[in-house]
Amino acid sequence: MRTQVAIIGAGPSGLLLGHLLFKAGIDNIIVERHSADYVLSRIRAGVLEKVACDLLDECGVGARMHAEGLVHDGIELLFKGSRHRIDMHGLTGGKSVTVYGQTEVTHDLMDARKAQDLPTIYEVADTVSLHEFDGQKPKVRYQKDGQTHEIECDFIAGCDGYHGISRASVPAAALRTYEKVYPFGWLGILADVPPVSPELIYANTGRGFALCSMRSKTRSRYYVQVGSDEKVENWSDDAFWGELRLRLDPQTRDRLVTGPSIEKSIAPLRSFVAEPMRFGRLFLAGDAAHIVPPTGARGLNSAASDIYYLYHALVDHYKKRDDAGLDGYSQKALARVWKGQRFSWWMTTLLHRFPESSAFDRRLQETDLAYLFSSQKALASLAENYVGLPF
């Protein structure tokens, strides 16, 4: 087989890049180790900044997002029993975010790709291998139905996540990695109950962090901070709801509607960055190159930022014979990645209870929150980062 761009991974990053390239007239093939059903079963975050929404619109798949997504102009921070609203719309000159589940994004892109009969090869398990991406003629090999197949291409886009083959194919000496592992995780529950608030509530409490979010007007997503050694099987639905109530203010607690969980899991929190993000004709994007804690809602948005840069660079290469975008991809993408890392680290540090924190550390955290609520410039900085920094 021959294509212009081989994309590894059929998650939202790979599908987004694939459909953008298709709309630009650039051939591509997506290779995914799992089944389509498995990809769609993964529960992920759902806060989209403008760049992600704009890219979905450019793909022509934004209609359902606009119809069903919830536009949020602000968030609330709960501190010392009181909620403080941050008016993102007002503080950023009219910007907002859209709450629309990552699973729905994936579904929309997958449906659009299927409707155009674009090649996506699923269920190749651990047989994918990348070759000669340091030269002029990279290749992707995989096994399917007992046969070995090879895709010849101009470029390879590694959109296959942290555990994928793309970054693992890079010689160790060519990579530099940075990592921070946090000493806690988020126990999350998904339930078909109305959200407790029309906007997200981030809570800093003596019992630990909590987050009240949603996927729609009838489906809610809640989280509580737990120890890094905690097991999900130790938490019944009743135990979760009971702990969440203890971390809410009285008014929010009274409005909370509970119900049986659809999904329950514990997500560890960590930060990770691999540099550079280009190796010859292999380009890394999304979780293949970086992971952020979910606190600042940067995960999918950071991936969309990578795709924005890579897509435009590939279009310039094929349409204008201009390789400046490809040559500058890693530097540009990493500059924005590290800004997202800083914001996610800051939000995580600001809102969580760290087991090793001293009384001095806790007083500093309280002072940081108090300063935030007293300064319009500090609030504007938080809002600007949350809705997405300019390119």
Protein backbone atom coordinates (compact mmCIF):
# COMPACT_ATOMS: atom_id res chain seq x y z
CA MET A 1 0.00 0.00 0.00
CA ARG A 2 1.03 3.57 -0.60
CA THR A 3 -0.21 6.77 1.06
CA GLN A 4 1.06 10.24 1.79
CA VAL A 5 0.63 10.21 5.59
CA ALA A 6 0.40 7.08 7.75
CA ILE A 7 -1.30 7.83 11.06
CA ILE A 8 -0.73 5.51 14.00
CA GLY A 9 -3.70 5.54 16.38
CA ALA A 10 -7.44 6.02 15.82
CA GLY A 11 -8.17 8.05 18.93
CA PRO A 12 -9.34 11.65 18.65
CA SER A 13 -5.88 12.96 17.66
CA GLY A 14 -5.35 10.50 14.83
CA LEU A 15 -8.93 10.78 13.58
CA LEU A 16 -8.83 14.58 13.72
CA LEU A 17 -5.60 14.75 11.75
CA GLY A 18 -6.85 12.17 9.28
CA HIS A 19 -10.06 14.03 8.49
CA LEU A 20 -8.36 17.42 8.25
CA LEU A 21 -5.88 15.96 5.77
CA PHE A 22 -8.70 14.33 3.80
CA LYS A 23 -10.51 17.67 3.55
CA ALA A 24 -7.26 19.19 2.26
CA GLY A 25 -6.89 16.46 -0.38
CA ILE A 26 -4.00 14.66 1.34
CA ASP A 27 -4.19 10.85 1.36
CA ASN A 28 -3.83 9.09 4.69
CA ILE A 29 -4.29 5.69 6.29
CA ILE A 30 -4.93 5.15 10.01
CA VAL A 31 -3.66 2.05 11.78
CA GLU A 32 -5.11 1.20 15.21
CA ARG A 33 -4.13 -1.69 17.47
CA HIS A 34 -7.59 -2.03 19.08
CA SER A 35 -11.12 -2.42 17.73
CA ALA A 36 -13.34 0.56 17.00
CA ASP A 37 -15.64 -0.48 19.86
CA TYR A 38 -12.70 -0.50 22.29
CA VAL A 39 -11.63 2.98 21.20
CA LEU A 40 -15.15 4.28 21.76
CA SER A 41 -15.42 2.62 25.17
CA ARG A 42 -12.63 4.72 26.70
CA ILE A 43 -14.00 7.33 29.11
CA ARG A 44 -12.09 10.60 28.87
CA ALA A 45 -12.48 14.28 29.65
CA GLY A 46 -14.83 16.62 27.89
CA VAL A 47 -13.87 20.31 28.10
CA LEU A 48 -12.98 21.74 24.68
CA GLU A 49 -11.27 25.05 24.12
CA LYS A 50 -11.85 27.09 20.97
CA VAL A 51 -9.04 25.57 18.89
CA ALA A 52 -10.51 22.08 19.33
CA CYS A 53 -14.00 23.30 18.41
CA ASP A 54 -12.65 25.20 15.40
CA LEU A 55 -10.81 22.13 14.11
CA LEU A 56 -13.95 20.00 14.41
CA ASP A 57 -15.83 22.65 12.45
CA GLU A 58 -13.09 22.66 9.81
CA CYS A 59 -13.53 18.90 9.52
CA GLY A 60 -17.25 19.42 8.98
CA VAL A 61 -18.16 17.36 12.05
CA GLY A 62 -19.05 20.11 14.53
CA ALA A 63 -22.84 20.08 14.13
CA ARG A 64 -23.59 17.65 16.98
CA MET A 65 -21.08 19.39 19.24
CA HIS A 66 -22.85 22.70 18.70
CA ALA A 67 -26.28 21.11 19.17
CA GLU A 68 -25.52 19.02 22.26
CA GLY A 69 -22.41 20.59 23.78
CA LEU A 70 -22.74 22.88 26.77
CA VAL A 71 -21.08 26.28 26.41
CA HIS A 72 -19.58 27.40 29.71
CA ASP A 73 -18.65 31.00 30.36
CA GLY A 74 -17.21 30.35 33.82
CA ILE A 75 -16.13 27.89 36.49
CA GLU A 76 -16.47 27.90 40.26
CA LEU A 77 -13.76 27.32 42.86
CA LEU A 78 -14.86 26.07 46.28
CA PHE A 79 -12.53 27.11 49.08
CA LYS A 80 -13.13 27.21 52.84
CA GLY A 81 -16.78 26.33 52.32
CA SER A 82 -17.53 29.17 49.88
CA ARG A 83 -17.86 29.07 46.11
CA HIS A 84 -16.23 31.77 43.98
CA ARG A 85 -17.26 32.12 40.32
CA ILE A 86 -14.58 32.93 37.75
CA ASP A 87 -16.14 34.75 34.81
CA MET A 88 -13.99 33.43 31.98
CA HIS A 89 -16.12 35.11 29.33
CA GLY A 90 -15.76 38.52 30.90
CA LEU A 91 -12.10 38.13 31.85
CA THR A 92 -10.97 36.99 28.38
CA GLY A 93 -12.97 39.31 26.17
CA GLY A 94 -15.73 36.89 25.27
CA LYS A 95 -14.06 33.46 25.21
CA SER A 96 -15.61 30.29 26.62
CA VAL A 97 -15.23 26.51 26.60
CA THR A 98 -17.58 23.77 25.42
CA VAL A 99 -18.36 20.69 27.50
CA TYR A 100 -18.61 17.80 25.03
CA GLY A 101 -17.28 14.35 25.87
CA GLN A 102 -14.12 13.08 24.22
CA THR A 103 -16.00 9.87 23.43
CA GLU A 104 -18.52 11.93 21.45
CA VAL A 105 -15.71 13.71 19.60
CA THR A 106 -14.24 10.33 18.68
CA HIS A 107 -17.65 9.05 17.60
CA ASP A 108 -18.26 12.05 15.32
CA LEU A 109 -14.85 11.75 13.67
CA MET A 110 -15.13 7.99 13.32
CA ASP A 111 -18.57 8.27 11.70
CA ALA A 112 -17.31 10.94 9.29
CA ARG A 113 -14.34 8.81 8.28
CA LYS A 114 -16.56 5.79 7.72
CA ALA A 115 -19.00 7.85 5.65
CA GLN A 116 -16.17 8.80 3.29
CA ASP A 117 -14.89 5.21 3.18
CA LEU A 118 -11.45 6.34 4.28
CA PRO A 119 -9.02 3.53 5.14
CA THR A 120 -8.77 2.70 8.84
CA ILE A 121 -7.17 -0.58 9.81
CA TYR A 122 -8.29 -1.79 13.23
CA GLU A 123 -7.26 -4.69 15.46
CA VAL A 124 -3.62 -5.10 14.56
CA ALA A 125 -2.73 -5.70 18.24
CA ASP A 126 1.02 -5.45 18.91
CA THR A 127 2.17 -6.16 15.36
CA VAL A 128 2.75 -2.58 14.18
CA SER A 129 6.35 -1.53 13.51
CA LEU A 130 7.80 1.68 12.05
CA HIS A 131 10.77 1.63 9.68
CA GLU A 132 13.15 4.02 7.91
CA PHE A 133 11.55 7.18 9.25
CA ASP A 134 15.03 8.68 9.50
CA GLY A 135 15.28 8.54 5.70
CA GLN A 136 13.14 9.55 2.73
CA LYS A 137 10.85 6.52 2.47
CA PRO A 138 9.31 5.56 5.84
CA LYS A 139 7.26 2.40 6.14
CA VAL A 140 4.68 0.98 8.53
CA ARG A 141 4.34 -2.78 8.84
CA TYR A 142 1.61 -4.72 10.61
CA GLN A 143 -0.03 -8.13 10.63
CA LYS A 144 -3.69 -8.67 9.87
CA ASP A 145 -5.58 -11.92 9.28
CA GLY A 146 -2.34 -13.88 9.41
CA GLN A 147 -0.60 -11.79 6.74
CA THR A 148 2.10 -9.12 6.94
CA HIS A 149 1.24 -5.80 5.29
CA GLU A 150 3.37 -2.76 4.55
CA ILE A 151 2.40 0.88 4.02
CA GLU A 152 4.86 3.10 2.18
CA CYS A 153 4.41 6.78 3.00
CA ASP A 154 5.96 10.23 3.01
CA PHE A 155 5.41 10.86 6.72
CA ILE A 156 4.30 9.02 9.85
CA ALA A 157 2.13 10.75 12.49
CA GLY A 158 2.42 9.03 15.88
CA CYS A 159 -0.96 9.61 17.55
CA ASP A 160 -1.07 6.32 19.45
CA GLY A 161 -0.77 7.47 23.05
CA TYR A 162 1.72 7.01 25.84
CA HIS A 163 1.96 3.22 25.47
CA GLY A 164 2.04 3.21 21.67
CA ILE A 165 4.74 2.09 19.28
CA SER A 166 5.54 5.54 17.86
CA ARG A 167 7.61 7.00 20.69
CA ALA A 168 8.93 3.53 21.54
CA SER A 169 10.38 3.31 18.01
CA VAL A 170 12.63 6.32 18.57
CA PRO A 171 16.21 5.50 19.68
CA ALA A 172 16.50 6.19 23.40
CA ALA A 173 19.53 8.44 22.86
CA ALA A 174 17.43 10.75 20.67
CA LEU A 175 14.77 11.34 23.36
CA ARG A 176 14.74 13.42 26.49
CA THR A 177 11.83 12.88 28.84
CA TYR A 178 10.48 14.84 31.80
CA GLU A 179 8.06 13.36 34.31
CA LYS A 180 6.32 14.21 37.56
CA VAL A 181 4.14 11.65 39.35
CA TYR A 182 1.65 13.01 41.87
CA PRO A 183 1.00 11.12 45.13
CA PHE A 184 -2.74 10.77 44.51
CA GLY A 185 -5.35 9.94 41.90
CA TRP A 186 -8.90 10.86 40.96
CA LEU A 187 -11.68 8.41 41.76
CA GLY A 188 -14.31 9.21 39.14
CA ILE A 189 -17.92 8.17 38.72
CA LEU A 190 -20.19 8.61 35.69
CA ALA A 191 -23.93 8.58 36.38
CA ASP A 192 -27.16 9.44 34.61
CA VAL A 193 -28.15 12.16 37.04
CA PRO A 194 -28.53 15.91 36.39
CA PRO A 195 -25.43 18.00 37.18
CA VAL A 196 -25.36 19.63 40.58
CA SER A 197 -24.37 22.94 38.97
CA PRO A 198 -24.61 24.47 35.49
CA GLU A 199 -20.84 25.08 35.58
CA LEU A 200 -17.90 23.01 36.82
CA ILE A 201 -17.04 23.24 40.52
CA TYR A 202 -13.41 22.69 41.56
CA ALA A 203 -13.17 22.14 45.32
CA ASN A 204 -10.21 22.56 47.65
CA THR A 205 -11.15 20.99 50.99
CA GLY A 206 -9.50 19.60 54.09
CA ARG A 207 -10.50 16.11 52.94
CA GLY A 208 -8.91 16.59 49.52
CA PHE A 209 -9.86 17.79 46.07
CA ALA A 210 -13.25 17.22 44.41
CA LEU A 211 -14.67 18.10 41.01
CA CYS A 212 -18.29 18.35 39.92
CA SER A 213 -18.58 18.18 36.14
CA MET A 214 -20.92 16.83 33.50
CA ARG A 215 -21.22 15.32 30.05
CA SER A 216 -24.73 16.62 29.32
CA LYS A 217 -27.77 18.05 31.09
CA THR A 218 -28.66 14.53 32.24
CA ARG A 219 -25.27 12.85 32.71
CA SER A 220 -22.78 13.87 35.38
CA ARG A 221 -19.12 13.15 36.05
CA TYR A 222 -17.79 13.54 39.60
CA TYR A 223 -14.33 13.04 41.08
CA VAL A 224 -12.73 12.88 44.52
CA GLN A 225 -9.04 12.83 45.30
CA VAL A 226 -7.81 9.49 46.69
CA GLY A 227 -4.44 8.05 47.63
CA SER A 228 -2.22 6.67 44.89
CA ASP A 229 -2.54 3.17 46.39
CA GLU A 230 -6.35 3.24 46.54
CA LYS A 231 -8.35 0.52 44.73
CA VAL A 232 -11.61 1.20 42.90
CA GLU A 233 -13.16 -2.02 44.22
CA ASN A 234 -12.97 -0.55 47.73
CA TRP A 235 -15.53 2.07 46.77
CA SER A 236 -19.22 1.32 46.51
CA ASP A 237 -21.46 3.91 44.89
CA ASP A 238 -22.82 4.86 48.32
CA ALA A 239 -19.31 5.31 49.68
CA PHE A 240 -18.40 7.59 46.79
CA TRP A 241 -21.51 9.76 47.09
CA GLY A 242 -21.00 9.98 50.85
CA GLU A 243 -17.42 11.19 50.45
CA LEU A 244 -18.33 13.67 47.74
CA ARG A 245 -21.01 15.21 49.96
CA LEU A 246 -18.42 15.81 52.68
CA ARG A 247 -16.35 17.87 50.23
CA LEU A 248 -19.16 20.17 49.07
CA ASP A 249 -20.62 23.32 50.55
CA PRO A 250 -24.09 22.94 52.15
CA GLN A 251 -26.00 24.51 49.27
CA THR A 252 -24.37 22.29 46.64
CA ARG A 253 -24.73 19.25 48.90
CA ASP A 254 -28.47 19.83 49.12
CA ARG A 255 -28.79 19.99 45.33
CA LEU A 256 -26.78 16.82 44.67
CA VAL A 257 -28.74 14.05 42.94
CA THR A 258 -27.20 10.59 43.23
CA GLY A 259 -27.73 7.38 41.31
CA PRO A 260 -26.08 4.14 40.18
CA SER A 261 -22.74 4.49 38.43
CA ILE A 262 -22.34 3.75 34.73
CA GLU A 263 -18.57 3.72 35.07
CA LYS A 264 -16.18 4.03 37.98
CA SER A 265 -12.40 4.24 37.81
CA ILE A 266 -9.29 5.74 39.36
CA ALA A 267 -7.04 7.91 37.19
CA PRO A 268 -3.47 8.48 38.42
CA LEU A 269 -2.17 12.01 38.04
CA ARG A 270 1.15 12.68 36.36
CA SER A 271 2.92 15.04 34.00
CA PHE A 272 5.08 13.78 31.14
CA VAL A 273 6.83 15.41 28.18
CA ALA A 274 9.08 13.83 25.54
CA GLU A 275 11.38 16.05 23.50
CA PRO A 276 11.71 16.58 20.60
CA MET A 277 8.43 15.74 18.87
CA ARG A 278 9.97 15.13 15.43
CA PHE A 279 12.40 12.42 14.38
CA GLY A 280 13.10 12.59 10.67
CA ARG A 281 9.75 11.87 9.04
CA LEU A 282 8.07 10.70 12.25
CA PHE A 283 6.03 13.29 14.16
CA LEU A 284 4.59 12.68 17.63
CA ALA A 285 1.31 14.24 18.71
CA GLY A 286 -0.96 14.10 21.76
CA ASP A 287 -0.36 11.55 24.50
CA ALA A 288 2.44 9.95 22.48
CA ALA A 289 4.50 13.02 23.40
CA HIS A 290 2.95 14.47 26.54
CA ILE A 291 0.47 13.86 29.36
CA VAL A 292 -0.98 16.41 31.79
CA PRO A 293 -3.00 16.05 34.97
CA PRO A 294 -6.70 16.57 34.17
CA THR A 295 -6.99 19.48 36.62
CA GLY A 296 -6.60 22.20 34.02
CA ALA A 297 -8.59 20.49 31.21
CA ARG A 298 -5.53 20.54 28.93
CA GLY A 299 -5.29 16.90 27.78
CA LEU A 300 -7.37 16.77 24.59
CA ASN A 301 -6.81 20.46 24.01
CA SER A 302 -3.03 20.06 24.05
CA ALA A 303 -3.42 17.23 21.55
CA ALA A 304 -5.63 19.41 19.34
CA SER A 305 -2.94 22.09 19.48
CA ASP A 306 -0.37 19.58 18.16
CA ILE A 307 -2.73 18.58 15.37
CA TYR A 308 -3.27 22.24 14.47
CA TYR A 309 0.46 22.75 13.96
CA LEU A 310 1.07 19.41 12.22
CA TYR A 311 -1.91 19.70 9.89
CA HIS A 312 -0.95 23.18 8.70
CA ALA A 313 2.67 22.10 8.29
CA LEU A 314 1.68 19.14 6.11
CA VAL A 315 -0.66 21.28 4.02
CA ASP A 316 2.16 23.79 3.44
CA HIS A 317 4.48 20.94 2.42
CA TYR A 318 2.09 19.45 -0.13
CA LYS A 319 0.37 22.58 -1.41
CA LYS A 320 3.18 25.16 -1.26
CA ARG A 321 6.34 23.03 -1.14
CA ASP A 322 7.16 24.92 2.03
CA ASP A 323 8.75 22.86 4.82
CA ALA A 324 9.13 25.63 7.38
CA GLY A 325 6.12 24.32 9.32
CA LEU A 326 7.48 20.78 9.44
CA ASP A 327 10.92 22.01 10.45
CA GLY A 328 9.45 24.18 13.22
CA TYR A 329 6.75 21.74 14.37
CA SER A 330 8.52 20.38 17.44
CA GLN A 331 9.63 23.76 18.73
CA LYS A 332 6.21 25.37 18.24
CA ALA A 333 4.26 22.44 19.65
CA LEU A 334 6.51 22.07 22.70
CA ALA A 335 6.27 25.78 23.52
CA ARG A 336 2.50 25.41 23.87
CA VAL A 337 2.80 21.99 25.53
CA TRP A 338 4.95 23.42 28.32
CA LYS A 339 2.52 26.29 28.88
CA GLY A 340 -0.22 23.69 29.31
CA GLN A 341 2.00 21.70 31.66
CA ARG A 342 2.67 24.77 33.78
CA PHE A 343 -1.04 25.57 34.06
CA SER A 344 -2.02 21.98 34.89
CA TRP A 345 0.75 21.75 37.50
CA TRP A 346 -0.32 25.06 39.04
CA MET A 347 -4.00 24.10 39.19
CA THR A 348 -3.08 20.70 40.66
CA THR A 349 -0.84 22.29 43.28
CA LEU A 350 -3.44 24.93 44.10
CA LEU A 351 -6.38 22.59 44.65
CA HIS A 352 -5.13 19.27 46.02
CA ARG A 353 -4.17 18.11 49.48
CA PHE A 354 -0.60 16.75 49.30
CA PRO A 355 0.18 14.03 51.87
CA GLU A 356 3.66 15.41 52.56
CA SER A 357 2.51 19.02 52.96
CA SER A 358 3.60 20.81 56.11
CA ALA A 359 1.54 23.41 57.93
CA PHE A 360 3.69 26.01 56.17
CA ASP A 361 2.84 24.53 52.75
CA ARG A 362 -0.87 24.55 53.51
CA ARG A 363 -0.78 28.18 54.63
CA LEU A 364 0.97 29.11 51.37
CA GLN A 365 -1.74 27.28 49.41
CA GLU A 366 -4.44 29.16 51.31
CA THR A 367 -2.63 32.45 50.66
CA ASP A 368 -2.33 31.65 46.96
CA LEU A 369 -6.08 31.02 46.74
CA ALA A 370 -6.89 34.14 48.74
CA TYR A 371 -4.68 36.22 46.45
CA LEU A 372 -6.33 34.71 43.38
CA PHE A 373 -9.77 35.80 44.53
CA SER A 374 -8.53 39.30 45.39
CA SER A 375 -6.79 40.07 42.10
CA GLN A 376 -8.50 40.64 38.75
CA LYS A 377 -5.19 40.15 36.97
CA ALA A 378 -4.64 36.79 38.67
CA LEU A 379 -8.18 35.72 37.79
CA ALA A 380 -7.65 36.88 34.20
CA SER A 381 -4.49 34.78 33.96
CA LEU A 382 -6.35 31.67 35.15
CA ALA A 383 -9.22 32.35 32.75
CA GLU A 384 -6.89 32.96 29.79
CA ASN A 385 -5.11 29.65 30.37
CA TYR A 386 -8.34 27.73 30.94
CA VAL A 387 -10.03 28.85 27.71
CA GLY A 388 -6.81 28.36 25.75
CA LEU A 389 -3.82 30.59 25.11
CA PRO A 390 -3.50 32.28 21.72
CA PHE A 391 -1.27 30.68 19.09
